[in-house]
Amino acid sequence: FSTLDYAKMAQLMIHPVIIDGRNF
C-alpha cells in the first residue's frame, strides 16, 4: 500500500478522502 498509484485512485473517487488507520 506504500506504492499504490494514489493520484489515479483519487481521480476515480467521488470524494478523495483517506483515513489512515495505521499512520502508515
PDB file of all heavy atoms in Angstrom:
ATOM      1  N   PHE A   1       0.811  -1.219   0.000  1.00  0.00           N
ATOM      2  CA  PHE A   1       0.000   0.000   0.000  1.00  0.00           C
ATOM      3  C   PHE A   1       0.843   1.267   0.000  1.00  0.00           C
ATOM      4  O   PHE A   1       0.320   2.363  -0.198  1.00  0.00           O
ATOM      5  CB  PHE A   1      -0.938   0.006   1.215  1.00  0.00           C
ATOM      6  CG  PHE A   1      -2.025  -1.036   1.160  1.00  0.00           C
ATOM      7  CD1 PHE A   1      -2.763  -1.348   2.300  1.00  0.00           C
ATOM      8  CD2 PHE A   1      -2.312  -1.707  -0.007  1.00  0.00           C
ATOM      9  CE1 PHE A   1      -3.775  -2.305   2.254  1.00  0.00           C
ATOM     10  CE2 PHE A   1      -3.313  -2.679  -0.065  1.00  0.00           C
ATOM     11  CZ  PHE A   1      -4.040  -2.975   1.071  1.00  0.00           C
ATOM     12  N   SER A   2       2.144   1.143   0.199  1.00  0.00           N
ATOM     13  CA  SER A   2       3.008   2.327   0.176  1.00  0.00           C
ATOM     14  C   SER A   2       3.349   2.760  -1.250  1.00  0.00           C
ATOM     15  O   SER A   2       3.838   3.870  -1.463  1.00  0.00           O
ATOM     16  CB  SER A   2       4.295   2.070   0.956  1.00  0.00           C
ATOM     17  OG  SER A   2       5.071   1.051   0.335  1.00  0.00           O
ATOM     18  N   THR A   3       3.091   1.878  -2.215  1.00  0.00           N
ATOM     19  CA  THR A   3       3.484   2.173  -3.598  1.00  0.00           C
ATOM     20  C   THR A   3       2.299   2.198  -4.562  1.00  0.00           C
ATOM     21  O   THR A   3       2.484   2.127  -5.769  1.00  0.00           O
ATOM     22  CB  THR A   3       4.506   1.131  -4.081  1.00  0.00           C
ATOM     23  OG1 THR A   3       3.955  -0.190  -3.940  1.00  0.00           O
ATOM     24  CG2 THR A   3       5.799   1.215  -3.279  1.00  0.00           C
ATOM     25  N   LEU A   4       1.086   2.309  -4.057  1.00  0.00           N
ATOM     26  CA  LEU A   4      -0.080   2.385  -4.933  1.00  0.00           C
ATOM     27  C   LEU A   4      -0.097   3.715  -5.680  1.00  0.00           C
ATOM     28  O   LEU A   4       0.484   4.709  -5.235  1.00  0.00           O
ATOM     29  CB  LEU A   4      -1.365   2.242  -4.112  1.00  0.00           C
ATOM     30  CG  LEU A   4      -1.607   0.900  -3.409  1.00  0.00           C
ATOM     31  CD1 LEU A   4      -2.877   0.963  -2.557  1.00  0.00           C
ATOM     32  CD2 LEU A   4      -1.701  -0.241  -4.415  1.00  0.00           C
ATOM     33  N   ASP A   5      -0.799   3.747  -6.811  1.00  0.00           N
ATOM     34  CA  ASP A   5      -0.944   4.982  -7.590  1.00  0.00           C
ATOM     35  C   ASP A   5      -2.104   5.783  -6.995  1.00  0.00           C
ATOM     36  O   ASP A   5      -3.234   5.747  -7.481  1.00  0.00           O
ATOM     37  CB  ASP A   5      -1.204   4.650  -9.063  1.00  0.00           C
ATOM     38  CG  ASP A   5      -1.180   5.886  -9.961  1.00  0.00           C
ATOM     39  OD1 ASP A   5      -1.202   7.015  -9.421  1.00  0.00           O
ATOM     40  OD2 ASP A   5      -1.165   5.723 -11.191  1.00  0.00           O
ATOM     41  N   TYR A   6      -1.800   6.509  -5.912  1.00  0.00           N
ATOM     42  CA  TYR A   6      -2.862   7.219  -5.198  1.00  0.00           C
ATOM     43  C   TYR A   6      -3.422   8.388  -6.006  1.00  0.00           C
ATOM     44  O   TYR A   6      -4.592   8.748  -5.848  1.00  0.00           O
ATOM     45  CB  TYR A   6      -2.347   7.690  -3.840  1.00  0.00           C
ATOM     46  CG  TYR A   6      -2.255   6.564  -2.834  1.00  0.00           C
ATOM     47  CD1 TYR A   6      -1.022   6.011  -2.499  1.00  0.00           C
ATOM     48  CD2 TYR A   6      -3.396   6.041  -2.237  1.00  0.00           C
ATOM     49  CE1 TYR A   6      -0.927   4.970  -1.586  1.00  0.00           C
ATOM     50  CE2 TYR A   6      -3.312   4.995  -1.325  1.00  0.00           C
ATOM     51  CZ  TYR A   6      -2.079   4.459  -1.003  1.00  0.00           C
ATOM     52  OH  TYR A   6      -2.000   3.424  -0.104  1.00  0.00           O
ATOM     53  N   ALA A   7      -2.606   8.999  -6.877  1.00  0.00           N
ATOM     54  CA  ALA A   7      -3.113  10.093  -7.707  1.00  0.00           C
ATOM     55  C   ALA A   7      -4.216   9.590  -8.627  1.00  0.00           C
ATOM     56  O   ALA A   7      -5.273  10.233  -8.784  1.00  0.00           O
ATOM     57  CB  ALA A   7      -1.968  10.703  -8.513  1.00  0.00           C
ATOM     58  N   LYS A   8      -4.002   8.427  -9.218  1.00  0.00           N
ATOM     59  CA  LYS A   8      -5.017   7.824 -10.083  1.00  0.00           C
ATOM     60  C   LYS A   8      -6.251   7.424  -9.268  1.00  0.00           C
ATOM     61  O   LYS A   8      -7.399   7.636  -9.698  1.00  0.00           O
ATOM     62  CB  LYS A   8      -4.423   6.589 -10.775  1.00  0.00           C
ATOM     63  CG  LYS A   8      -5.411   5.802 -11.629  1.00  0.00           C
ATOM     64  CD  LYS A   8      -5.901   6.619 -12.813  1.00  0.00           C
ATOM     65  CE  LYS A   8      -6.777   5.760 -13.727  1.00  0.00           C
ATOM     66  NZ  LYS A   8      -7.359   6.561 -14.841  1.00  0.00           N
ATOM     67  N   MET A   9      -6.017   6.874  -8.083  1.00  0.00           N
ATOM     68  CA  MET A   9      -7.135   6.458  -7.225  1.00  0.00           C
ATOM     69  C   MET A   9      -7.985   7.660  -6.808  1.00  0.00           C
ATOM     70  O   MET A   9      -9.211   7.591  -6.776  1.00  0.00           O
ATOM     71  CB  MET A   9      -6.605   5.714  -6.001  1.00  0.00           C
ATOM     72  CG  MET A   9      -6.000   4.345  -6.324  1.00  0.00           C
ATOM     73  SD  MET A   9      -5.028   3.625  -4.968  1.00  0.00           S
ATOM     74  CE  MET A   9      -6.288   3.414  -3.712  1.00  0.00           C
ATOM     75  N   ALA A  10      -7.326   8.785  -6.506  1.00  0.00           N
ATOM     76  CA  ALA A  10      -8.064   9.993  -6.105  1.00  0.00           C
ATOM     77  C   ALA A  10      -8.982  10.461  -7.225  1.00  0.00           C
ATOM     78  O   ALA A  10     -10.113  10.913  -6.973  1.00  0.00           O
ATOM     79  CB  ALA A  10      -7.076  11.096  -5.714  1.00  0.00           C
ATOM     80  N   GLN A  11      -8.514  10.353  -8.471  1.00  0.00           N
ATOM     81  CA  GLN A  11      -9.311  10.783  -9.625  1.00  0.00           C
ATOM     82  C   GLN A  11     -10.553   9.915  -9.817  1.00  0.00           C
ATOM     83  O   GLN A  11     -11.566  10.370 -10.359  1.00  0.00           O
ATOM     84  CB  GLN A  11      -8.463  10.750 -10.890  1.00  0.00           C
ATOM     85  CG  GLN A  11      -7.330  11.764 -10.904  1.00  0.00           C
ATOM     86  CD  GLN A  11      -6.393  11.570 -12.086  1.00  0.00           C
ATOM     87  OE1 GLN A  11      -6.642  10.731 -12.966  1.00  0.00           O
ATOM     88  NE2 GLN A  11      -5.299  12.335 -12.102  1.00  0.00           N
ATOM     89  N   LEU A  12     -10.480   8.657  -9.364  1.00  0.00           N
ATOM     90  CA  LEU A  12     -11.588   7.721  -9.548  1.00  0.00           C
ATOM     91  C   LEU A  12     -12.666   7.857  -8.465  1.00  0.00           C
ATOM     92  O   LEU A  12     -13.747   7.278  -8.577  1.00  0.00           O
ATOM     93  CB  LEU A  12     -11.066   6.284  -9.547  1.00  0.00           C
ATOM     94  CG  LEU A  12     -10.153   5.889 -10.716  1.00  0.00           C
ATOM     95  CD1 LEU A  12      -9.507   4.527 -10.451  1.00  0.00           C
ATOM     96  CD2 LEU A  12     -10.950   5.854 -12.018  1.00  0.00           C
ATOM     97  N   MET A  13     -12.366   8.629  -7.416  1.00  0.00           N
ATOM     98  CA  MET A  13     -13.271   8.713  -6.277  1.00  0.00           C
ATOM     99  C   MET A  13     -14.233   9.895  -6.392  1.00  0.00           C
ATOM    100  O   MET A  13     -13.944  10.889  -7.054  1.00  0.00           O
ATOM    101  CB  MET A  13     -12.455   8.825  -4.980  1.00  0.00           C
ATOM    102  CG  MET A  13     -11.619   7.597  -4.683  1.00  0.00           C
ATOM    103  SD  MET A  13     -10.545   7.799  -3.226  1.00  0.00           S
ATOM    104  CE  MET A  13     -11.762   7.991  -1.918  1.00  0.00           C
ATOM    105  N   ILE A  14     -15.366   9.777  -5.723  1.00  0.00           N
ATOM    106  CA  ILE A  14     -16.330  10.882  -5.669  1.00  0.00           C
ATOM    107  C   ILE A  14     -15.792  11.973  -4.755  1.00  0.00           C
ATOM    108  O   ILE A  14     -15.793  13.157  -5.092  1.00  0.00           O
ATOM    109  CB  ILE A  14     -17.694  10.363  -5.166  1.00  0.00           C
ATOM    110  CG1 ILE A  14     -18.260   9.334  -6.155  1.00  0.00           C
ATOM    111  CG2 ILE A  14     -18.677  11.529  -4.983  1.00  0.00           C
ATOM    112  CD1 ILE A  14     -19.503   8.624  -5.650  1.00  0.00           C
ATOM    113  N   HIS A  15     -15.327  11.564  -3.579  1.00  0.00           N
ATOM    114  CA  HIS A  15     -14.664  12.470  -2.643  1.00  0.00           C
ATOM    115  C   HIS A  15     -13.316  11.843  -2.288  1.00  0.00           C
ATOM    116  O   HIS A  15     -13.288  10.803  -1.626  1.00  0.00           O
ATOM    117  CB  HIS A  15     -15.495  12.656  -1.366  1.00  0.00           C
ATOM    118  CG  HIS A  15     -16.839  13.256  -1.594  1.00  0.00           C
ATOM    119  ND1 HIS A  15     -18.011  12.521  -1.547  1.00  0.00           N
ATOM    120  CD2 HIS A  15     -17.202  14.534  -1.876  1.00  0.00           C
ATOM    121  CE1 HIS A  15     -19.031  13.312  -1.789  1.00  0.00           C
ATOM    122  NE2 HIS A  15     -18.585  14.542  -1.997  1.00  0.00           N
ATOM    123  N   PRO A  16     -12.206  12.437  -2.711  1.00  0.00           N
ATOM    124  CA  PRO A  16     -10.895  11.844  -2.417  1.00  0.00           C
ATOM    125  C   PRO A  16     -10.470  12.085  -0.960  1.00  0.00           C
ATOM    126  O   PRO A  16      -9.666  12.956  -0.652  1.00  0.00           O
ATOM    127  CB  PRO A  16      -9.955  12.545  -3.403  1.00  0.00           C
ATOM    128  CG  PRO A  16     -10.611  13.863  -3.674  1.00  0.00           C
ATOM    129  CD  PRO A  16     -12.085  13.638  -3.578  1.00  0.00           C
ATOM    130  N   VAL A  17     -11.044  11.272  -0.083  1.00  0.00           N
ATOM    131  CA  VAL A  17     -10.761  11.329   1.354  1.00  0.00           C
ATOM    132  C   VAL A  17     -10.109  10.014   1.759  1.00  0.00           C
ATOM    133  O   VAL A  17     -10.560   8.943   1.339  1.00  0.00           O
ATOM    134  CB  VAL A  17     -12.054  11.537   2.169  1.00  0.00           C
ATOM    135  CG1 VAL A  17     -11.776  11.426   3.672  1.00  0.00           C
ATOM    136  CG2 VAL A  17     -12.693  12.866   1.832  1.00  0.00           C
ATOM    137  N   ILE A  18      -9.060  10.076   2.568  1.00  0.00           N
ATOM    138  CA  ILE A  18      -8.474   8.840   3.095  1.00  0.00           C
ATOM    139  C   ILE A  18      -8.244   8.971   4.596  1.00  0.00           C
ATOM    140  O   ILE A  18      -7.693   9.963   5.074  1.00  0.00           O
ATOM    141  CB  ILE A  18      -7.159   8.468   2.376  1.00  0.00           C
ATOM    142  CG1 ILE A  18      -6.700   7.067   2.810  1.00  0.00           C
ATOM    143  CG2 ILE A  18      -6.056   9.496   2.597  1.00  0.00           C
ATOM    144  CD1 ILE A  18      -5.713   6.410   1.861  1.00  0.00           C
ATOM    145  N   ILE A  19      -8.728   7.977   5.338  1.00  0.00           N
ATOM    146  CA  ILE A  19      -8.482   7.861   6.765  1.00  0.00           C
ATOM    147  C   ILE A  19      -7.372   6.832   6.933  1.00  0.00           C
ATOM    148  O   ILE A  19      -7.559   5.660   6.618  1.00  0.00           O
ATOM    149  CB  ILE A  19      -9.742   7.395   7.533  1.00  0.00           C
ATOM    150  CG1 ILE A  19     -10.974   8.203   7.133  1.00  0.00           C
ATOM    151  CG2 ILE A  19      -9.481   7.430   9.033  1.00  0.00           C
ATOM    152  CD1 ILE A  19     -10.899   9.667   7.450  1.00  0.00           C
ATOM    153  N   ASP A  20      -6.218   7.293   7.391  1.00  0.00           N
ATOM    154  CA  ASP A  20      -5.075   6.393   7.555  1.00  0.00           C
ATOM    155  C   ASP A  20      -5.138   5.788   8.959  1.00  0.00           C
ATOM    156  O   ASP A  20      -4.644   6.362   9.929  1.00  0.00           O
ATOM    157  CB  ASP A  20      -3.776   7.167   7.363  1.00  0.00           C
ATOM    158  CG  ASP A  20      -2.535   6.283   7.374  1.00  0.00           C
ATOM    159  OD1 ASP A  20      -2.683   5.074   7.641  1.00  0.00           O
ATOM    160  OD2 ASP A  20      -1.435   6.800   7.132  1.00  0.00           O
ATOM    161  N   GLY A  21      -5.753   4.614   9.058  1.00  0.00           N
ATOM    162  CA  GLY A  21      -5.978   3.983  10.352  1.00  0.00           C
ATOM    163  C   GLY A  21      -4.737   3.404  10.999  1.00  0.00           C
ATOM    164  O   GLY A  21      -4.804   2.897  12.126  1.00  0.00           O
ATOM    165  N   ARG A  22      -3.603   3.467  10.319  1.00  0.00           N
ATOM    166  CA  ARG A  22      -2.350   2.949  10.878  1.00  0.00           C
ATOM    167  C   ARG A  22      -1.223   3.975  10.836  1.00  0.00           C
ATOM    168  O   ARG A  22      -0.070   3.630  11.118  1.00  0.00           O
ATOM    169  CB  ARG A  22      -1.923   1.681  10.112  1.00  0.00           C
ATOM    170  CG  ARG A  22      -2.926   0.534  10.178  1.00  0.00           C
ATOM    171  CD  ARG A  22      -3.091   0.016  11.589  1.00  0.00           C
ATOM    172  NE  ARG A  22      -4.052  -1.088  11.660  1.00  0.00           N
ATOM    173  CZ  ARG A  22      -4.422  -1.676  12.787  1.00  0.00           C
ATOM    174  NH1 ARG A  22      -3.942  -1.250  13.939  1.00  0.00           N
ATOM    175  NH2 ARG A  22      -5.298  -2.663  12.783  1.00  0.00           N
ATOM    176  N   ASN A  23      -1.536   5.219  10.453  1.00  0.00           N
ATOM    177  CA  ASN A  23      -0.495   6.248  10.300  1.00  0.00           C
ATOM    178  C   ASN A  23       0.653   5.716   9.452  1.00  0.00           C
ATOM    179  O   ASN A  23       1.835   5.934   9.755  1.00  0.00           O
ATOM    180  CB  ASN A  23       0.011   6.720  11.666  1.00  0.00           C
ATOM    181  CG  ASN A  23      -1.025   7.548  12.406  1.00  0.00           C
ATOM    182  OD1 ASN A  23      -1.993   8.026  11.812  1.00  0.00           O
ATOM    183  ND2 ASN A  23      -0.834   7.728  13.700  1.00  0.00           N
ATOM    184  N   PHE A  24       0.291   5.021   8.394  1.00  0.00           N
ATOM    185  CA  PHE A  24       1.257   4.316   7.556  1.00  0.00           C
ATOM    186  C   PHE A  24       1.739   5.174   6.389  1.00  0.00           C
ATOM    187  O   PHE A  24       2.858   5.023   5.908  1.00  0.00           O
ATOM    188  CB  PHE A  24       0.605   3.025   7.045  1.00  0.00           C
ATOM    189  CG  PHE A  24       1.458   2.188   6.130  1.00  0.00           C
ATOM    190  CD1 PHE A  24       2.576   1.534   6.620  1.00  0.00           C
ATOM    191  CD2 PHE A  24       1.139   2.039   4.787  1.00  0.00           C
ATOM    192  CE1 PHE A  24       3.366   0.753   5.781  1.00  0.00           C
ATOM    193  CE2 PHE A  24       1.914   1.261   3.948  1.00  0.00           C
ATOM    194  CZ  PHE A  24       3.028   0.606   4.449  1.00  0.00           C
TER     195      PHE A  24
END
